[in-house]
């Protein structure tokens, strides 16, 4: 399972979005098959849901990292600006 997450972390944001959309479409199709009685392996729904969650987690972690980087850059800029005003 860790290897799947590691693989996702290597992808770009655009590739992650593409994978997320693809997985959501697959989930829709699997649910449709379940409703019509054509789904052979019902555990595939769980697998796809977990894949979507992994992708969302990696994307959210990147958002937090970007926000932290922006906050650090903003704090550093504020501190240096305050010192120059003294």
C-alpha atoms as a PDB file:
ATOM      1  CA  UNK A   1       0.000   0.000   0.000  1.00  0.00           C
ATOM      2  CA  UNK A   2       2.852   2.357   0.754  1.00  0.00           C
ATOM      3  CA  UNK A   3       4.207   1.827  -2.730  1.00  0.00           C
ATOM      4  CA  UNK A   4       0.921   3.078  -4.213  1.00  0.00           C
ATOM      5  CA  UNK A   5       1.135   6.251  -2.149  1.00  0.00           C
ATOM      6  CA  UNK A   6       4.805   6.713  -3.019  1.00  0.00           C
ATOM      7  CA  UNK A   7       3.912   6.347  -6.690  1.00  0.00           C
ATOM      8  CA  UNK A   8       1.215   9.014  -6.341  1.00  0.00           C
ATOM      9  CA  UNK A   9       3.629  11.423  -4.657  1.00  0.00           C
ATOM     10  CA  UNK A  10       5.891  11.264  -7.719  1.00  0.00           C
ATOM     11  CA  UNK A  11       3.122  12.521 -10.022  1.00  0.00           C
ATOM     12  CA  UNK A  12       2.500  16.147 -10.904  1.00  0.00           C
ATOM     13  CA  UNK A  13      -0.642  17.977  -9.793  1.00  0.00           C
ATOM     14  CA  UNK A  14      -2.131  17.690 -13.276  1.00  0.00           C
ATOM     15  CA  UNK A  15      -1.496  13.957 -13.367  1.00  0.00           C
ATOM     16  CA  UNK A  16      -3.094  13.561  -9.941  1.00  0.00           C
ATOM     17  CA  UNK A  17      -6.192  15.436 -11.077  1.00  0.00           C
ATOM     18  CA  UNK A  18      -6.373  13.255 -14.165  1.00  0.00           C
ATOM     19  CA  UNK A  19      -6.068  10.100 -12.054  1.00  0.00           C
ATOM     20  CA  UNK A  20      -8.736  11.356  -9.646  1.00  0.00           C
ATOM     21  CA  UNK A  21     -11.182  12.062 -12.458  1.00  0.00           C
ATOM     22  CA  UNK A  22     -10.471   8.675 -14.011  1.00  0.00           C
ATOM     23  CA  UNK A  23     -10.994   6.880 -10.694  1.00  0.00           C
ATOM     24  CA  UNK A  24     -14.257   8.733 -10.051  1.00  0.00           C
ATOM     25  CA  UNK A  25     -15.490   7.759 -13.487  1.00  0.00           C
ATOM     26  CA  UNK A  26     -14.512   4.150 -12.816  1.00  0.00           C
ATOM     27  CA  UNK A  27     -16.358   4.260  -9.484  1.00  0.00           C
ATOM     28  CA  UNK A  28     -19.466   5.551 -11.243  1.00  0.00           C
ATOM     29  CA  UNK A  29     -19.278   2.715 -13.768  1.00  0.00           C
ATOM     30  CA  UNK A  30     -18.786   0.126 -11.033  1.00  0.00           C
ATOM     31  CA  UNK A  31     -21.791   1.438  -9.110  1.00  0.00           C
ATOM     32  CA  UNK A  32     -23.835   1.316 -12.280  1.00  0.00           C
ATOM     33  CA  UNK A  33     -22.785  -2.290 -12.856  1.00  0.00           C
ATOM     34  CA  UNK A  34     -23.678  -3.116  -9.243  1.00  0.00           C
ATOM     35  CA  UNK A  35     -27.143  -1.614  -9.654  1.00  0.00           C
ATOM     36  CA  UNK A  36     -27.783  -3.567 -12.849  1.00  0.00           C
ATOM     37  CA  UNK A  37     -26.418  -6.821 -11.439  1.00  0.00           C
ATOM     38  CA  UNK A  38     -23.471  -7.007 -13.823  1.00  0.00           C
ATOM     39  CA  UNK A  39     -20.693  -6.508 -11.260  1.00  0.00           C
ATOM     40  CA  UNK A  40     -18.726  -9.694 -10.580  1.00  0.00           C
ATOM     41  CA  UNK A  41     -16.286  -8.400  -7.956  1.00  0.00           C
ATOM     42  CA  UNK A  42     -17.941  -6.022  -5.495  1.00  0.00           C
ATOM     43  CA  UNK A  43     -14.642  -5.466  -3.670  1.00  0.00           C
ATOM     44  CA  UNK A  44     -13.443  -3.457  -6.675  1.00  0.00           C
ATOM     45  CA  UNK A  45     -15.695  -0.603  -5.500  1.00  0.00           C
ATOM     46  CA  UNK A  46     -13.812  -0.468  -2.192  1.00  0.00           C
ATOM     47  CA  UNK A  47     -10.461  -0.557  -3.975  1.00  0.00           C
ATOM     48  CA  UNK A  48     -11.376   2.381  -6.204  1.00  0.00           C
ATOM     49  CA  UNK A  49     -12.749   4.367  -3.262  1.00  0.00           C
ATOM     50  CA  UNK A  50      -9.468   3.857  -1.411  1.00  0.00           C
ATOM     51  CA  UNK A  51      -7.519   4.948  -4.491  1.00  0.00           C
ATOM     52  CA  UNK A  52      -9.579   8.147  -4.670  1.00  0.00           C
ATOM     53  CA  UNK A  53      -8.899   8.759  -0.975  1.00  0.00           C
ATOM     54  CA  UNK A  54      -5.154   8.261  -1.474  1.00  0.00           C
ATOM     55  CA  UNK A  55      -5.124  10.760  -4.331  1.00  0.00           C
ATOM     56  CA  UNK A  56      -7.122  13.286  -2.301  1.00  0.00           C
ATOM     57  CA  UNK A  57      -4.750  12.847   0.637  1.00  0.00           C
ATOM     58  CA  UNK A  58      -1.654  13.491  -1.467  1.00  0.00           C
ATOM     59  CA  UNK A  59      -3.276  16.563  -3.031  1.00  0.00           C
ATOM     60  CA  UNK A  60      -4.283  17.888   0.402  1.00  0.00           C
ATOM     61  CA  UNK A  61      -0.784  17.335   1.774  1.00  0.00           C
ATOM     62  CA  UNK A  62       0.597  19.361  -1.115  1.00  0.00           C
ATOM     63  CA  UNK A  63      -1.851  22.151  -0.301  1.00  0.00           C
ATOM     64  CA  UNK A  64      -0.657  22.192   3.313  1.00  0.00           C
ATOM     65  CA  UNK A  65       2.992  22.197   2.233  1.00  0.00           C
ATOM     66  CA  UNK A  66       2.365  25.079  -0.162  1.00  0.00           C
ATOM     67  CA  UNK A  67       0.513  27.048   2.520  1.00  0.00           C
ATOM     68  CA  UNK A  68       3.315  26.450   5.013  1.00  0.00           C
ATOM     69  CA  UNK A  69       5.902  27.570   2.475  1.00  0.00           C
ATOM     70  CA  UNK A  70       3.887  30.708   1.709  1.00  0.00           C
ATOM     71  CA  UNK A  71       3.466  31.438   5.411  1.00  0.00           C
ATOM     72  CA  UNK A  72       7.190  31.050   6.030  1.00  0.00           C
ATOM     73  CA  UNK A  73       8.024  33.301   3.097  1.00  0.00           C
ATOM     74  CA  UNK A  74       5.498  35.868   4.275  1.00  0.00           C
ATOM     75  CA  UNK A  75       6.795  35.754   7.837  1.00  0.00           C
ATOM     76  CA  UNK A  76      10.375  36.138   6.658  1.00  0.00           C
ATOM     77  CA  UNK A  77       9.388  39.098   4.497  1.00  0.00           C
ATOM     78  CA  UNK A  78       7.497  40.732   7.350  1.00  0.00           C
ATOM     79  CA  UNK A  79      10.359  40.292   9.797  1.00  0.00           C
ATOM     80  CA  UNK A  80      12.940  41.760   7.432  1.00  0.00           C
ATOM     81  CA  UNK A  81      10.620  44.666   6.588  1.00  0.00           C
ATOM     82  CA  UNK A  82      10.099  45.429  10.289  1.00  0.00           C
ATOM     83  CA  UNK A  83      13.823  45.443  10.961  1.00  0.00           C
ATOM     84  CA  UNK A  84      14.527  47.847   8.121  1.00  0.00           C
ATOM     85  CA  UNK A  85      11.903  50.278   9.401  1.00  0.00           C
ATOM     86  CA  UNK A  86      13.650  50.584  12.799  1.00  0.00           C
END
